[in-house]
């Protein structure tokens, strides 16, 4: 337990100086310098803890600033990517429309070819028929002329 006594150089209380006596568990008195050493260590620990807390706050602040910068750069990149996506979607839509128009054009050309092919087949068939008929006419013996010579 700690007791406070006012004593002067002779041990009297006339000087008005506070002296703290510390007693250990056994009740014996300790020297005042031991208390001073403990007090000094306690103060050093407090100061060390303050410095550690200050460094920790500075690290946290630096980390927050770094993350804030990273957020800003990612936001800028996100905006650029959104713009690029929008442009690519517009290009895709345009190409899809062009593709659809070309498919319709190809389909109409295919129908035209089919019609032309059918017409061409009919014409070719007629030409073959005409050629065959002409060939048959040339190959047939003329009845009157051959009969008279034979």
N, C-alpha and C. Protein backbone atom coordinates (compact mmCIF):
# COMPACT_ATOMS: atom_id res chain seq x y z
N UNK A 1 0.84 -1.17 0.00
CA UNK A 1 0.00 0.00 0.00
C UNK A 1 0.88 1.23 0.00
N UNK A 2 0.41 2.28 -0.58
CA UNK A 2 1.18 3.51 -0.64
C UNK A 2 0.72 4.46 0.46
N UNK A 3 1.70 5.06 1.10
CA UNK A 3 1.41 6.04 2.13
C UNK A 3 2.08 7.34 1.76
N UNK A 4 1.43 8.45 2.02
CA UNK A 4 2.01 9.75 1.73
C UNK A 4 2.34 10.43 3.05
N UNK A 5 3.61 10.81 3.14
CA UNK A 5 4.06 11.51 4.34
C UNK A 5 4.72 12.80 3.94
N UNK A 6 4.52 13.83 4.73
CA UNK A 6 5.21 15.10 4.49
C UNK A 6 6.34 15.19 5.50
N UNK A 7 7.52 15.26 4.92
CA UNK A 7 8.69 15.32 5.81
C UNK A 7 9.66 16.35 5.31
N UNK A 8 10.49 16.86 6.20
CA UNK A 8 11.59 17.74 5.78
C UNK A 8 12.87 16.93 5.90
N UNK A 9 13.97 17.59 5.78
CA UNK A 9 15.27 16.90 5.87
C UNK A 9 15.45 16.18 7.18
N UNK A 10 14.84 16.63 8.24
CA UNK A 10 14.96 16.02 9.56
C UNK A 10 13.86 14.99 9.81
N UNK A 11 13.00 14.78 8.82
CA UNK A 11 11.91 13.85 9.03
C UNK A 11 10.67 14.52 9.52
N UNK A 12 10.69 15.84 9.68
CA UNK A 12 9.51 16.56 10.14
C UNK A 12 8.69 16.97 8.94
N UNK A 13 7.45 17.35 9.15
CA UNK A 13 6.55 17.70 8.06
C UNK A 13 6.57 19.17 7.71
N UNK A 14 7.56 19.92 8.14
CA UNK A 14 7.61 21.36 7.93
C UNK A 14 7.95 21.72 6.51
N UNK A 15 8.70 20.94 5.77
CA UNK A 15 9.15 21.31 4.43
C UNK A 15 8.05 21.20 3.38
N UNK A 16 7.06 20.38 3.57
CA UNK A 16 5.96 20.23 2.62
C UNK A 16 6.32 19.39 1.40
N UNK A 17 7.24 18.44 1.48
CA UNK A 17 7.65 17.58 0.36
C UNK A 17 6.88 16.27 0.47
N UNK A 18 6.30 15.83 -0.67
CA UNK A 18 5.58 14.55 -0.67
C UNK A 18 6.56 13.42 -0.96
N UNK A 19 6.54 12.41 -0.15
CA UNK A 19 7.36 11.22 -0.37
C UNK A 19 6.40 10.05 -0.36
N UNK A 20 6.51 9.20 -1.40
CA UNK A 20 5.64 8.05 -1.49
C UNK A 20 6.47 6.84 -1.11
N UNK A 21 5.98 6.13 -0.12
CA UNK A 21 6.63 4.90 0.29
C UNK A 21 5.79 3.74 -0.22
N UNK A 22 6.47 2.81 -0.84
CA UNK A 22 5.78 1.65 -1.38
C UNK A 22 6.13 0.47 -0.53
N UNK A 23 5.13 -0.26 -0.13
CA UNK A 23 5.37 -1.46 0.65
C UNK A 23 5.08 -2.65 -0.22
N UNK A 24 5.89 -3.66 -0.12
CA UNK A 24 5.63 -4.85 -0.92
C UNK A 24 4.63 -5.72 -0.20
N UNK A 25 4.38 -6.90 -0.75
CA UNK A 25 3.37 -7.79 -0.20
C UNK A 25 3.69 -8.16 1.25
N UNK A 26 4.96 -8.27 1.58
CA UNK A 26 5.34 -8.65 2.94
C UNK A 26 5.27 -7.47 3.90
N UNK A 27 5.00 -6.31 3.33
CA UNK A 27 4.87 -5.15 4.21
C UNK A 27 6.15 -4.38 4.39
N UNK A 28 7.22 -4.77 3.72
CA UNK A 28 8.48 -4.05 3.85
C UNK A 28 8.50 -2.83 2.96
N UNK A 29 9.24 -1.81 3.31
CA UNK A 29 9.33 -0.59 2.53
C UNK A 29 10.38 -0.76 1.44
N UNK A 30 10.14 -0.16 0.27
CA UNK A 30 11.09 -0.18 -0.83
C UNK A 30 11.67 1.19 -0.99
N UNK A 31 12.75 1.20 -1.68
CA UNK A 31 13.41 2.47 -1.96
C UNK A 31 12.59 3.27 -2.96
N UNK A 32 12.58 4.57 -2.88
CA UNK A 32 11.86 5.44 -3.79
C UNK A 32 12.40 5.36 -5.21
N UNK A 33 13.66 4.99 -5.40
CA UNK A 33 14.23 4.88 -6.75
C UNK A 33 13.64 3.72 -7.52
N UNK A 34 13.24 2.67 -6.85
CA UNK A 34 12.59 1.54 -7.52
C UNK A 34 11.28 2.03 -8.11
N UNK A 35 10.54 2.81 -7.36
CA UNK A 35 9.29 3.37 -7.85
C UNK A 35 9.56 4.29 -9.03
N UNK A 36 10.61 5.09 -8.95
CA UNK A 36 10.96 5.98 -10.05
C UNK A 36 11.31 5.18 -11.30
N UNK A 37 12.04 4.08 -11.14
CA UNK A 37 12.40 3.24 -12.29
C UNK A 37 11.15 2.66 -12.94
N UNK A 38 10.24 2.22 -12.11
CA UNK A 38 8.98 1.68 -12.66
C UNK A 38 8.20 2.76 -13.38
N UNK A 39 8.17 3.91 -12.77
CA UNK A 39 7.46 5.04 -13.37
C UNK A 39 8.09 5.41 -14.71
N UNK A 40 9.42 5.41 -14.77
CA UNK A 40 10.14 5.73 -16.01
C UNK A 40 9.83 4.67 -17.07
N UNK A 41 9.86 3.41 -16.68
CA UNK A 41 9.55 2.33 -17.63
C UNK A 41 8.12 2.44 -18.13
N UNK A 42 7.22 2.76 -17.22
CA UNK A 42 5.81 2.93 -17.59
C UNK A 42 5.67 4.07 -18.59
N UNK A 43 6.33 5.18 -18.35
CA UNK A 43 6.29 6.32 -19.25
C UNK A 43 6.90 5.97 -20.61
N UNK A 44 8.01 5.22 -20.60
CA UNK A 44 8.63 4.78 -21.86
C UNK A 44 7.67 3.89 -22.65
N UNK A 45 7.02 2.96 -21.93
CA UNK A 45 6.06 2.08 -22.58
C UNK A 45 4.92 2.88 -23.19
N UNK A 46 4.40 3.84 -22.45
CA UNK A 46 3.32 4.69 -22.96
C UNK A 46 3.77 5.44 -24.21
N UNK A 47 4.99 6.00 -24.14
CA UNK A 47 5.51 6.75 -25.29
C UNK A 47 5.72 5.83 -26.49
N UNK A 48 6.24 4.64 -26.21
CA UNK A 48 6.45 3.66 -27.28
C UNK A 48 5.11 3.27 -27.91
N UNK A 49 4.11 3.06 -27.08
CA UNK A 49 2.78 2.72 -27.59
C UNK A 49 2.19 3.86 -28.41
N UNK A 50 2.42 5.10 -27.95
CA UNK A 50 1.93 6.26 -28.71
C UNK A 50 2.58 6.31 -30.09
N UNK A 51 3.90 6.10 -30.11
CA UNK A 51 4.63 6.12 -31.38
C UNK A 51 4.17 4.98 -32.30
N UNK A 52 3.97 3.82 -31.71
CA UNK A 52 3.49 2.67 -32.48
C UNK A 52 2.10 2.95 -33.06
N UNK A 53 1.24 3.53 -32.26
CA UNK A 53 -0.11 3.88 -32.73
C UNK A 53 -0.04 4.94 -33.83
N UNK A 54 0.87 5.90 -33.67
CA UNK A 54 1.03 6.95 -34.69
C UNK A 54 1.50 6.33 -36.00
N UNK A 55 2.50 5.44 -35.92
CA UNK A 55 2.98 4.76 -37.14
C UNK A 55 1.88 3.93 -37.78
N UNK A 56 1.10 3.27 -36.94
CA UNK A 56 -0.01 2.46 -37.45
C UNK A 56 -1.03 3.33 -38.17
N UNK A 57 -1.36 4.49 -37.58
CA UNK A 57 -2.30 5.41 -38.23
C UNK A 57 -1.76 5.92 -39.55
N UNK A 58 -0.46 6.23 -39.58
CA UNK A 58 0.16 6.71 -40.83
C UNK A 58 0.15 5.62 -41.90
N UNK A 59 0.45 4.38 -41.50
CA UNK A 59 0.40 3.26 -42.46
C UNK A 59 -1.01 3.09 -43.00
N UNK A 60 -1.99 3.15 -42.10
CA UNK A 60 -3.38 3.00 -42.52
C UNK A 60 -3.79 4.12 -43.46
N UNK A 61 -3.37 5.34 -43.16
CA UNK A 61 -3.69 6.48 -44.02
C UNK A 61 -3.04 6.31 -45.40
N UNK A 62 -1.78 5.89 -45.41
CA UNK A 62 -1.09 5.68 -46.69
C UNK A 62 -1.78 4.58 -47.50
N UNK A 63 -2.19 3.52 -46.80
CA UNK A 63 -2.87 2.43 -47.48
C UNK A 63 -4.21 2.90 -48.06
N UNK A 64 -4.94 3.70 -47.30
CA UNK A 64 -6.21 4.24 -47.78
C UNK A 64 -6.01 5.13 -49.00
N UNK A 65 -4.97 5.96 -48.97
CA UNK A 65 -4.67 6.83 -50.12
C UNK A 65 -4.30 5.99 -51.34
N UNK A 66 -3.52 4.95 -51.11
CA UNK A 66 -3.13 4.06 -52.22
C UNK A 66 -4.36 3.38 -52.81
N UNK A 67 -5.24 2.89 -51.94
CA UNK A 67 -6.46 2.25 -52.42
C UNK A 67 -7.37 3.25 -53.13
N UNK A 68 -7.41 4.48 -52.64
CA UNK A 68 -8.19 5.52 -53.30
C UNK A 68 -7.68 5.79 -54.71
N UNK A 69 -6.35 5.85 -54.85
CA UNK A 69 -5.77 6.03 -56.19
C UNK A 69 -6.08 4.85 -57.09
N UNK A 70 -6.04 3.65 -56.52
CA UNK A 70 -6.35 2.45 -57.30
C UNK A 70 -7.81 2.47 -57.74
N UNK A 71 -8.70 2.91 -56.85
CA UNK A 71 -10.12 3.02 -57.19
C UNK A 71 -10.31 4.01 -58.34
N UNK A 72 -9.61 5.14 -58.27
CA UNK A 72 -9.72 6.15 -59.34
C UNK A 72 -9.27 5.58 -60.68
N UNK A 73 -8.13 4.88 -60.69
CA UNK A 73 -7.64 4.33 -61.96
C UNK A 73 -8.58 3.25 -62.49
N UNK A 74 -9.14 2.44 -61.59
CA UNK A 74 -10.08 1.42 -62.03
C UNK A 74 -11.38 2.04 -62.54
N UNK A 75 -11.79 3.16 -61.96
CA UNK A 75 -12.99 3.85 -62.42
C UNK A 75 -12.78 4.39 -63.83
N UNK A 76 -11.61 4.98 -64.07
CA UNK A 76 -11.29 5.50 -65.40
C UNK A 76 -11.26 4.35 -66.41
N UNK A 77 -10.62 3.26 -66.04
CA UNK A 77 -10.54 2.10 -66.93
C UNK A 77 -11.94 1.55 -67.20
N UNK A 78 -12.79 1.52 -66.19
CA UNK A 78 -14.16 1.03 -66.34
C UNK A 78 -14.93 1.89 -67.34
N UNK A 79 -14.77 3.21 -67.25
CA UNK A 79 -15.45 4.12 -68.18
C UNK A 79 -14.98 3.85 -69.61
N UNK A 80 -13.67 3.70 -69.79
CA UNK A 80 -13.12 3.42 -71.13
C UNK A 80 -13.65 2.10 -71.67
N UNK A 81 -13.69 1.08 -70.82
CA UNK A 81 -14.18 -0.22 -71.26
C UNK A 81 -15.67 -0.18 -71.61
N UNK A 82 -16.44 0.62 -70.87
CA UNK A 82 -17.87 0.76 -71.19
C UNK A 82 -18.05 1.44 -72.54
N UNK A 83 -17.22 2.47 -72.81
CA UNK A 83 -17.29 3.14 -74.11
C UNK A 83 -16.92 2.18 -75.23
N UNK A 84 -15.86 1.40 -75.02
CA UNK A 84 -15.43 0.43 -76.03
C UNK A 84 -16.52 -0.61 -76.26
N UNK A 85 -17.14 -1.07 -75.18
CA UNK A 85 -18.22 -2.05 -75.30
C UNK A 85 -19.38 -1.47 -76.10
N UNK A 86 -19.72 -0.22 -75.83
CA UNK A 86 -20.81 0.43 -76.55
C UNK A 86 -20.50 0.52 -78.05
N UNK A 87 -19.26 0.90 -78.37
CA UNK A 87 -18.86 0.98 -79.77
C UNK A 87 -18.90 -0.38 -80.44
N UNK A 88 -18.42 -1.40 -79.74
CA UNK A 88 -18.41 -2.75 -80.30
C UNK A 88 -19.83 -3.28 -80.49
N UNK A 89 -20.74 -2.94 -79.57
CA UNK A 89 -22.13 -3.36 -79.72
C UNK A 89 -22.76 -2.67 -80.93
N UNK A 90 -22.46 -1.40 -81.13
CA UNK A 90 -22.98 -0.68 -82.29
C UNK A 90 -22.44 -1.29 -83.58
N UNK A 91 -21.14 -1.60 -83.59
CA UNK A 91 -20.53 -2.23 -84.76
C UNK A 91 -21.15 -3.59 -85.02
N UNK A 92 -21.38 -4.34 -83.97
CA UNK A 92 -21.99 -5.67 -84.09
C UNK A 92 -23.40 -5.56 -84.67
N UNK A 93 -24.18 -4.61 -84.18
CA UNK A 93 -25.54 -4.41 -84.69
C UNK A 93 -25.52 -4.03 -86.16
N UNK A 94 -24.59 -3.15 -86.53
CA UNK A 94 -24.46 -2.73 -87.92
C UNK A 94 -24.07 -3.91 -88.81
N UNK A 95 -23.11 -4.70 -88.34
CA UNK A 95 -22.69 -5.87 -89.11
C UNK A 95 -23.80 -6.92 -89.21
N UNK A 96 -24.58 -7.05 -88.18
CA UNK A 96 -25.70 -8.00 -88.20
C UNK A 96 -26.74 -7.55 -89.24
N UNK A 97 -27.00 -6.24 -89.28
CA UNK A 97 -27.95 -5.70 -90.26
C UNK A 97 -27.40 -5.91 -91.68
N UNK A 98 -26.11 -5.63 -91.87
CA UNK A 98 -25.49 -5.85 -93.18
C UNK A 98 -25.55 -7.32 -93.57
N UNK A 99 -25.30 -8.19 -92.62
CA UNK A 99 -25.33 -9.63 -92.88
C UNK A 99 -26.73 -10.07 -93.28
N UNK A 100 -27.74 -9.54 -92.60
CA UNK A 100 -29.11 -9.90 -92.91
C UNK A 100 -29.49 -9.42 -94.32
N UNK A 101 -29.07 -8.21 -94.67
CA UNK A 101 -29.35 -7.67 -96.00
C UNK A 101 -28.66 -8.52 -97.07
N UNK A 102 -27.42 -8.91 -96.79
CA UNK A 102 -26.70 -9.75 -97.75
C UNK A 102 -27.33 -11.13 -97.89
N UNK A 103 -27.83 -11.68 -96.78
CA UNK A 103 -28.50 -12.98 -96.85
C UNK A 103 -29.78 -12.88 -97.69
N UNK A 104 -30.54 -11.78 -97.54
CA UNK A 104 -31.74 -11.58 -98.36
C UNK A 104 -31.36 -11.44 -99.83
N UNK A 105 -30.29 -10.69 -100.07
CA UNK A 105 -29.83 -10.50 -101.44
C UNK A 105 -29.40 -11.84 -102.04
N UNK A 106 -28.68 -12.63 -101.26
CA UNK A 106 -28.23 -13.94 -101.72
C UNK A 106 -29.43 -14.85 -101.97
N UNK A 107 -30.41 -14.77 -101.10
CA UNK A 107 -31.61 -15.58 -101.27
C UNK A 107 -32.35 -15.20 -102.55
N UNK A 108 -32.46 -13.88 -102.80
CA UNK A 108 -33.14 -13.46 -104.02
C UNK A 108 -32.32 -13.83 -105.25
N UNK A 109 -31.00 -13.77 -105.15
CA UNK A 109 -30.16 -14.20 -106.27
C UNK A 109 -30.28 -15.71 -106.47
N UNK A 110 -30.40 -16.44 -105.38
CA UNK A 110 -30.57 -17.89 -105.47
C UNK A 110 -31.87 -18.24 -106.16
N UNK A 111 -32.95 -17.52 -105.84
CA UNK A 111 -34.24 -17.74 -106.50
C UNK A 111 -34.14 -17.36 -107.96
N UNK A 112 -33.42 -16.28 -108.23
CA UNK A 112 -33.23 -15.85 -109.62
C UNK A 112 -32.42 -16.88 -110.39
N UNK A 113 -31.41 -17.45 -109.77
CA UNK A 113 -30.60 -18.49 -110.43
C UNK A 113 -31.43 -19.73 -110.67
N UNK A 114 -32.26 -20.06 -109.68
CA UNK A 114 -33.10 -21.23 -109.85
C UNK A 114 -34.07 -21.02 -111.01
N UNK A 115 -34.63 -19.84 -111.10
CA UNK A 115 -35.54 -19.52 -112.20
C UNK A 115 -34.77 -19.50 -113.51
N UNK A 116 -33.59 -18.87 -113.47
CA UNK A 116 -32.76 -18.84 -114.68
C UNK A 116 -32.29 -20.24 -115.05
N UNK A 117 -31.96 -21.02 -114.05
CA UNK A 117 -31.51 -22.38 -114.31
C UNK A 117 -32.65 -23.19 -114.90
N UNK A 118 -33.83 -23.00 -114.37
CA UNK A 118 -34.99 -23.72 -114.91
C UNK A 118 -35.25 -23.26 -116.34
N UNK A 119 -35.15 -21.97 -116.56
CA UNK A 119 -35.35 -21.44 -117.90
C UNK A 119 -34.24 -21.93 -118.81
N UNK A 120 -33.03 -21.94 -118.31
CA UNK A 120 -31.89 -22.42 -119.09
C UNK A 120 -32.01 -23.89 -119.41
N UNK A 121 -32.53 -24.67 -118.50
CA UNK A 121 -32.71 -26.10 -118.72
C UNK A 121 -33.76 -26.31 -119.79
N UNK A 122 -34.83 -25.52 -119.71
CA UNK A 122 -35.87 -25.63 -120.74
C UNK A 122 -35.33 -25.24 -122.10
N UNK A 123 -34.52 -24.18 -122.16
CA UNK A 123 -33.93 -23.71 -123.41
C UNK A 123 -32.96 -24.76 -123.94
N UNK A 124 -32.15 -25.32 -123.05
CA UNK A 124 -31.20 -26.35 -123.46
C UNK A 124 -31.94 -27.58 -123.95
N UNK A 125 -33.03 -27.91 -123.29
CA UNK A 125 -33.82 -29.06 -123.72
C UNK A 125 -34.41 -28.81 -125.10
N UNK A 126 -34.89 -27.60 -125.32
CA UNK A 126 -35.45 -27.26 -126.62
C UNK A 126 -34.39 -27.29 -127.69
N UNK A 127 -33.17 -26.77 -127.38
CA UNK A 127 -32.08 -26.78 -128.34
C UNK A 127 -31.67 -28.21 -128.66
N UNK A 128 -31.66 -29.06 -127.66
CA UNK A 128 -31.31 -30.46 -127.88
C UNK A 128 -32.37 -31.10 -128.74
N UNK A 129 -33.62 -30.78 -128.49
CA UNK A 129 -34.72 -31.32 -129.27
C UNK A 129 -34.62 -30.85 -130.72
N UNK A 130 -34.33 -29.58 -130.89
CA UNK A 130 -34.21 -29.04 -132.24
C UNK A 130 -33.03 -29.67 -132.94
N UNK A 131 -31.93 -29.84 -132.26
CA UNK A 131 -30.74 -30.44 -132.85
C UNK A 131 -31.01 -31.89 -133.22
N UNK A 132 -31.68 -32.58 -132.33
CA UNK A 132 -31.99 -33.97 -132.59
C UNK A 132 -32.92 -34.07 -133.78
N UNK A 133 -33.89 -33.23 -133.84
CA UNK A 133 -34.85 -33.24 -134.95
C UNK A 133 -34.13 -32.92 -136.23
N UNK A 134 -33.25 -31.99 -136.22
CA UNK A 134 -32.50 -31.63 -137.41
C UNK A 134 -31.60 -32.79 -137.82
N UNK A 135 -31.00 -33.42 -136.85
CA UNK A 135 -30.12 -34.54 -137.15
C UNK A 135 -30.92 -35.69 -137.75
N UNK A 136 -32.11 -35.92 -137.24
CA UNK A 136 -32.95 -36.99 -137.76
C UNK A 136 -33.36 -36.69 -139.18
N UNK A 137 -33.63 -35.48 -139.45
CA UNK A 137 -34.03 -35.10 -140.81
C UNK A 137 -32.87 -35.33 -141.76
N UNK A 138 -31.68 -35.04 -141.35
CA UNK A 138 -30.52 -35.21 -142.22
C UNK A 138 -30.19 -36.69 -142.39
N UNK A 139 -30.42 -37.51 -141.38
CA UNK A 139 -30.07 -38.92 -141.43
C UNK A 139 -31.10 -39.74 -142.20
N UNK A 140 -32.33 -39.27 -142.33
CA UNK A 140 -33.37 -40.05 -143.01
C UNK A 140 -33.10 -40.07 -144.51
N UNK A 141 -33.19 -41.20 -145.03
CA UNK A 141 -33.03 -41.28 -146.50
C UNK A 141 -34.24 -40.65 -147.19
N UNK A 142 -33.99 -40.03 -148.24
CA UNK A 142 -35.08 -39.43 -148.99
C UNK A 142 -35.64 -40.54 -149.88
N UNK A 143 -36.86 -40.76 -149.68
CA UNK A 143 -37.52 -41.90 -150.29
C UNK A 143 -37.52 -41.89 -151.80
N UNK A 144 -37.76 -40.81 -152.42
CA UNK A 144 -37.88 -40.78 -153.86
C UNK A 144 -36.53 -40.85 -154.52
N UNK A 145 -35.59 -40.22 -153.97
CA UNK A 145 -34.28 -40.16 -154.61
C UNK A 145 -33.61 -41.51 -154.47
N UNK A 146 -33.70 -42.14 -153.32
CA UNK A 146 -33.01 -43.41 -153.10
C UNK A 146 -33.71 -44.50 -153.88
N UNK A 147 -34.94 -44.44 -153.95
CA UNK A 147 -35.68 -45.50 -154.62
C UNK A 147 -35.38 -45.51 -156.10
N UNK A 148 -35.16 -44.39 -156.68
CA UNK A 148 -34.89 -44.32 -158.11
C UNK A 148 -33.52 -44.76 -158.46
N UNK A 149 -32.55 -44.63 -157.59
CA UNK A 149 -31.21 -45.03 -157.91
C UNK A 149 -30.95 -46.47 -157.60
N UNK A 150 -31.70 -47.07 -156.80
CA UNK A 150 -31.41 -48.42 -156.40
C UNK A 150 -32.02 -49.41 -157.26
